[in-house]
Each structure stands twice: as structure tokens, then as C-alpha cells.
N, C-alpha and C. Protein backbone atom coordinates (compact mmCIF):
# COMPACT_ATOMS: atom_id res chain seq x y z
N MET A 1 -14.76 -1.33 9.35
CA MET A 1 -14.25 -2.61 8.91
C MET A 1 -15.29 -3.69 9.17
N SER A 2 -15.23 -4.74 8.41
CA SER A 2 -16.19 -5.82 8.53
C SER A 2 -15.84 -6.73 9.70
N ASN A 3 -16.60 -7.84 9.83
CA ASN A 3 -16.33 -8.83 10.86
C ASN A 3 -15.18 -9.75 10.47
N GLU A 4 -14.65 -9.55 9.30
CA GLU A 4 -13.54 -10.34 8.80
C GLU A 4 -12.28 -10.09 9.64
N ARG A 5 -11.39 -11.07 9.68
CA ARG A 5 -10.14 -10.95 10.42
C ARG A 5 -9.34 -9.76 9.90
N VAL A 6 -8.83 -8.95 10.83
CA VAL A 6 -8.02 -7.78 10.47
C VAL A 6 -6.55 -8.21 10.42
N ILE A 7 -5.89 -7.87 9.31
CA ILE A 7 -4.47 -8.17 9.14
C ILE A 7 -3.72 -6.90 8.77
N ALA A 8 -2.41 -6.96 8.83
CA ALA A 8 -1.58 -5.82 8.42
C ALA A 8 -0.38 -6.35 7.64
N ARG A 9 -0.01 -5.60 6.61
CA ARG A 9 1.16 -5.92 5.80
C ARG A 9 1.94 -4.63 5.54
N ARG A 10 3.25 -4.70 5.72
CA ARG A 10 4.13 -3.61 5.30
C ARG A 10 4.71 -4.05 3.96
N ILE A 11 4.61 -3.17 2.96
CA ILE A 11 5.13 -3.53 1.65
C ILE A 11 6.12 -2.47 1.18
N VAL A 12 7.10 -2.92 0.40
CA VAL A 12 8.05 -2.03 -0.25
C VAL A 12 8.00 -2.40 -1.73
N VAL A 13 7.70 -1.40 -2.55
CA VAL A 13 7.50 -1.60 -3.98
C VAL A 13 8.68 -1.00 -4.73
N HIS A 14 9.36 -1.82 -5.54
CA HIS A 14 10.53 -1.38 -6.30
C HIS A 14 10.19 -1.30 -7.79
N GLY A 15 10.85 -0.39 -8.47
CA GLY A 15 10.64 -0.21 -9.90
C GLY A 15 10.49 1.27 -10.20
N ARG A 16 9.80 1.58 -11.30
CA ARG A 16 9.50 2.98 -11.61
C ARG A 16 8.17 3.29 -10.93
N VAL A 17 8.28 3.72 -9.67
CA VAL A 17 7.08 3.87 -8.84
C VAL A 17 6.95 5.27 -8.22
N GLN A 18 7.92 6.14 -8.48
CA GLN A 18 7.80 7.52 -8.01
C GLN A 18 7.56 8.42 -9.21
N GLY A 19 6.72 9.43 -9.02
CA GLY A 19 6.40 10.35 -10.09
C GLY A 19 5.38 9.81 -11.08
N VAL A 20 4.66 8.76 -10.69
CA VAL A 20 3.66 8.13 -11.57
C VAL A 20 2.30 7.99 -10.87
N PHE A 21 2.08 8.81 -9.85
CA PHE A 21 0.82 8.81 -9.07
C PHE A 21 0.61 7.51 -8.29
N PHE A 22 1.72 6.84 -7.93
CA PHE A 22 1.61 5.58 -7.21
C PHE A 22 0.98 5.78 -5.83
N ARG A 23 1.43 6.79 -5.11
CA ARG A 23 0.90 7.00 -3.75
C ARG A 23 -0.58 7.34 -3.77
N ALA A 24 -0.98 8.27 -4.62
CA ALA A 24 -2.39 8.67 -4.68
C ALA A 24 -3.26 7.51 -5.15
N SER A 25 -2.77 6.75 -6.11
CA SER A 25 -3.53 5.61 -6.62
C SER A 25 -3.66 4.52 -5.56
N THR A 26 -2.59 4.31 -4.78
CA THR A 26 -2.63 3.32 -3.70
C THR A 26 -3.63 3.75 -2.64
N ARG A 27 -3.61 5.03 -2.30
CA ARG A 27 -4.59 5.56 -1.34
C ARG A 27 -6.01 5.30 -1.83
N ASP A 28 -6.28 5.59 -3.10
CA ASP A 28 -7.62 5.39 -3.65
C ASP A 28 -8.02 3.91 -3.63
N GLN A 29 -7.10 3.03 -4.01
CA GLN A 29 -7.38 1.59 -3.99
C GLN A 29 -7.66 1.12 -2.56
N ALA A 30 -6.85 1.60 -1.61
CA ALA A 30 -7.02 1.20 -0.21
C ALA A 30 -8.37 1.65 0.34
N ARG A 31 -8.72 2.88 0.07
CA ARG A 31 -10.00 3.40 0.57
C ARG A 31 -11.17 2.62 -0.02
N GLN A 32 -11.09 2.27 -1.30
CA GLN A 32 -12.16 1.49 -1.94
C GLN A 32 -12.27 0.10 -1.33
N ALA A 33 -11.15 -0.44 -0.86
CA ALA A 33 -11.13 -1.79 -0.29
C ALA A 33 -11.36 -1.80 1.22
N GLY A 34 -11.56 -0.63 1.82
CA GLY A 34 -11.77 -0.56 3.27
C GLY A 34 -10.51 -0.79 4.07
N VAL A 35 -9.37 -0.42 3.48
CA VAL A 35 -8.06 -0.62 4.11
C VAL A 35 -7.55 0.72 4.64
N VAL A 36 -6.93 0.68 5.81
CA VAL A 36 -6.33 1.87 6.41
C VAL A 36 -4.82 1.71 6.44
N GLY A 37 -4.12 2.79 6.76
CA GLY A 37 -2.66 2.75 6.83
C GLY A 37 -2.05 3.98 6.19
N TRP A 38 -0.96 3.78 5.44
CA TRP A 38 -0.26 4.90 4.85
C TRP A 38 0.61 4.43 3.69
N VAL A 39 1.07 5.41 2.90
CA VAL A 39 1.99 5.16 1.79
C VAL A 39 2.93 6.35 1.68
N ARG A 40 4.22 6.09 1.32
CA ARG A 40 5.18 7.18 1.18
C ARG A 40 6.29 6.78 0.21
N ASN A 41 6.94 7.79 -0.36
CA ASN A 41 8.14 7.58 -1.17
C ASN A 41 9.33 7.39 -0.24
N ARG A 42 10.27 6.54 -0.67
CA ARG A 42 11.51 6.36 0.07
C ARG A 42 12.68 6.96 -0.70
N VAL A 43 13.72 7.29 0.02
CA VAL A 43 14.90 7.90 -0.58
C VAL A 43 15.55 6.99 -1.61
N ASP A 44 15.39 5.69 -1.49
CA ASP A 44 16.02 4.74 -2.42
C ASP A 44 15.22 4.56 -3.72
N GLY A 45 14.13 5.33 -3.89
CA GLY A 45 13.33 5.27 -5.11
C GLY A 45 12.15 4.32 -5.01
N ALA A 46 12.04 3.59 -3.92
CA ALA A 46 10.92 2.67 -3.71
C ALA A 46 9.74 3.42 -3.10
N VAL A 47 8.61 2.76 -3.06
CA VAL A 47 7.43 3.23 -2.34
C VAL A 47 7.15 2.23 -1.24
N GLU A 48 6.89 2.73 -0.04
CA GLU A 48 6.59 1.87 1.12
C GLU A 48 5.16 2.14 1.56
N ALA A 49 4.47 1.09 1.97
CA ALA A 49 3.09 1.26 2.43
C ALA A 49 2.79 0.32 3.59
N TRP A 50 1.85 0.74 4.42
CA TRP A 50 1.30 -0.08 5.50
C TRP A 50 -0.16 -0.30 5.13
N LEU A 51 -0.56 -1.55 4.97
CA LEU A 51 -1.93 -1.91 4.61
C LEU A 51 -2.54 -2.67 5.78
N GLU A 52 -3.66 -2.19 6.28
CA GLU A 52 -4.30 -2.81 7.45
C GLU A 52 -5.81 -2.80 7.27
N GLY A 53 -6.43 -3.94 7.52
CA GLY A 53 -7.87 -4.02 7.41
C GLY A 53 -8.33 -5.44 7.22
N PRO A 54 -9.55 -5.61 6.72
CA PRO A 54 -10.07 -6.95 6.48
C PRO A 54 -9.13 -7.69 5.52
N GLU A 55 -8.93 -8.95 5.78
CA GLU A 55 -7.99 -9.73 4.97
C GLU A 55 -8.27 -9.62 3.47
N SER A 56 -9.54 -9.69 3.08
CA SER A 56 -9.87 -9.61 1.66
C SER A 56 -9.51 -8.24 1.07
N GLY A 57 -9.67 -7.17 1.84
CA GLY A 57 -9.33 -5.84 1.37
C GLY A 57 -7.83 -5.66 1.22
N VAL A 58 -7.07 -6.11 2.21
CA VAL A 58 -5.60 -6.02 2.13
C VAL A 58 -5.10 -6.83 0.95
N GLU A 59 -5.63 -8.03 0.77
CA GLU A 59 -5.20 -8.88 -0.34
C GLU A 59 -5.57 -8.25 -1.69
N ARG A 60 -6.69 -7.56 -1.74
CA ARG A 60 -7.11 -6.89 -2.98
C ARG A 60 -6.13 -5.78 -3.36
N VAL A 61 -5.74 -4.95 -2.38
CA VAL A 61 -4.79 -3.88 -2.65
C VAL A 61 -3.42 -4.47 -3.00
N LEU A 62 -3.00 -5.47 -2.27
CA LEU A 62 -1.72 -6.11 -2.55
C LEU A 62 -1.69 -6.70 -3.96
N ALA A 63 -2.76 -7.34 -4.38
CA ALA A 63 -2.84 -7.91 -5.73
C ALA A 63 -2.74 -6.80 -6.78
N TRP A 64 -3.38 -5.66 -6.53
CA TRP A 64 -3.31 -4.53 -7.46
C TRP A 64 -1.87 -4.03 -7.58
N VAL A 65 -1.18 -3.90 -6.45
CA VAL A 65 0.22 -3.47 -6.46
C VAL A 65 1.08 -4.47 -7.22
N GLN A 66 0.93 -5.76 -6.91
CA GLN A 66 1.73 -6.80 -7.55
C GLN A 66 1.45 -6.92 -9.04
N ALA A 67 0.26 -6.52 -9.46
CA ALA A 67 -0.09 -6.54 -10.89
C ALA A 67 0.47 -5.33 -11.63
N GLY A 68 1.09 -4.39 -10.90
CA GLY A 68 1.73 -3.26 -11.56
C GLY A 68 1.28 -1.90 -11.10
N GLY A 69 0.23 -1.82 -10.27
CA GLY A 69 -0.21 -0.52 -9.77
C GLY A 69 -0.79 0.34 -10.87
N PRO A 70 -0.61 1.67 -10.77
CA PRO A 70 -1.17 2.58 -11.78
C PRO A 70 -0.51 2.36 -13.15
N SER A 71 -1.19 2.77 -14.19
CA SER A 71 -0.75 2.46 -15.56
C SER A 71 0.64 2.99 -15.90
N ARG A 72 1.07 4.08 -15.32
CA ARG A 72 2.38 4.65 -15.65
C ARG A 72 3.52 4.03 -14.85
N ALA A 73 3.21 3.18 -13.90
CA ALA A 73 4.23 2.55 -13.06
C ALA A 73 4.80 1.31 -13.75
N SER A 74 5.96 0.90 -13.26
CA SER A 74 6.58 -0.34 -13.70
C SER A 74 7.14 -1.03 -12.46
N VAL A 75 6.38 -1.96 -11.92
CA VAL A 75 6.74 -2.64 -10.67
C VAL A 75 7.66 -3.82 -11.00
N HIS A 76 8.84 -3.84 -10.35
CA HIS A 76 9.79 -4.92 -10.57
C HIS A 76 9.78 -5.94 -9.43
N ASP A 77 9.47 -5.48 -8.21
CA ASP A 77 9.49 -6.37 -7.05
C ASP A 77 8.64 -5.76 -5.95
N VAL A 78 7.98 -6.62 -5.18
CA VAL A 78 7.20 -6.18 -4.03
C VAL A 78 7.60 -7.02 -2.84
N GLU A 79 8.19 -6.39 -1.84
CA GLU A 79 8.50 -7.07 -0.58
C GLU A 79 7.27 -6.97 0.31
N VAL A 80 6.89 -8.08 0.93
CA VAL A 80 5.70 -8.10 1.79
C VAL A 80 6.09 -8.70 3.13
N VAL A 81 5.80 -7.98 4.21
CA VAL A 81 6.09 -8.45 5.56
C VAL A 81 4.80 -8.44 6.37
N GLU A 82 4.49 -9.56 7.01
CA GLU A 82 3.33 -9.61 7.90
C GLU A 82 3.64 -8.80 9.15
N GLU A 83 2.67 -8.01 9.58
CA GLU A 83 2.81 -7.18 10.77
C GLU A 83 1.58 -7.38 11.65
N LEU A 84 1.67 -6.94 12.89
CA LEU A 84 0.51 -6.92 13.77
C LEU A 84 -0.26 -5.64 13.48
N PRO A 85 -1.58 -5.69 13.42
CA PRO A 85 -2.36 -4.47 13.17
C PRO A 85 -2.01 -3.39 14.20
N GLY A 86 -1.92 -2.16 13.70
CA GLY A 86 -1.51 -1.04 14.55
C GLY A 86 -2.62 -0.10 14.96
N GLY A 87 -3.85 -0.39 14.54
CA GLY A 87 -4.96 0.45 14.94
C GLY A 87 -5.11 1.74 14.16
N HIS A 88 -4.62 1.77 12.93
CA HIS A 88 -4.80 2.96 12.10
C HIS A 88 -6.29 3.22 11.87
N ARG A 89 -6.65 4.48 11.66
CA ARG A 89 -8.05 4.84 11.50
C ARG A 89 -8.41 5.27 10.08
N ARG A 90 -7.41 5.65 9.27
CA ARG A 90 -7.67 6.10 7.91
C ARG A 90 -6.45 5.75 7.06
N PHE A 91 -6.53 6.04 5.78
CA PHE A 91 -5.39 5.81 4.90
C PHE A 91 -4.86 7.17 4.46
N ALA A 92 -3.55 7.38 4.61
CA ALA A 92 -2.95 8.68 4.32
C ALA A 92 -1.72 8.55 3.44
N VAL A 93 -1.48 9.58 2.66
CA VAL A 93 -0.23 9.72 1.93
C VAL A 93 0.69 10.48 2.87
N ARG A 94 1.78 9.82 3.27
CA ARG A 94 2.74 10.45 4.19
C ARG A 94 3.78 11.25 3.41
N PRO A 95 4.43 12.18 4.11
CA PRO A 95 5.54 12.91 3.46
C PRO A 95 6.63 11.93 3.04
N ASP A 96 7.38 12.33 2.04
CA ASP A 96 8.49 11.50 1.58
C ASP A 96 9.46 11.21 2.71
N ASP A 97 10.16 10.09 2.59
CA ASP A 97 11.13 9.65 3.59
C ASP A 97 12.52 10.23 3.28
N PHE A 98 12.55 11.46 2.77
CA PHE A 98 13.84 12.11 2.47
C PHE A 98 13.66 13.60 2.45
């Protein structure tokens, strides 16, 4: 990570976001932006992610999600919660939450 301030955001993405490569695409976007954390499917049909890293990188991934994510997705709403950084070391696709 750079000398930039490290931030963390927990996000929940609603819409047609499962079965459209949302998790893998989010992982790829996060790694390109130097962001660590995780992403997983939720039982309610949403996708949840933890984004942690340089502020510009987290904001870049968040902007990509809010703009609709991967081409096959249809994002209707993105909940964003500020969190304290948790010291994650890499970005992973977690098992589904169901």
C-alpha cells in the first residue's frame, strides 16, 4: 500500500449481482487498485464486500461498483458503511453466506 491514508468500507450491493461474475470482477478491480479485503454472495441475493486500502483505491473500486460493476450485472443500490481498517493482507472471494 502507498503512503496514502488507509480506509475501510463495508458495502452491500443489491440488484442482479449473483451469477454475473460480480465477485470475481470485484476481486480483479480491487487487486488492480491495491485494495485488500473480501467479497461474498449473501443469502438475500446481495453481494457483500470489505474494501480496505489507500483511499484513492477504495474510492476507485466503490465508483466501479456504483457505476454498475461487470457488464452483466444490474446494480440497484449500494449500501456503504465506514469501518476501521482490519489489517487484511490480500483480496479474496469468500464462500457464499448460505
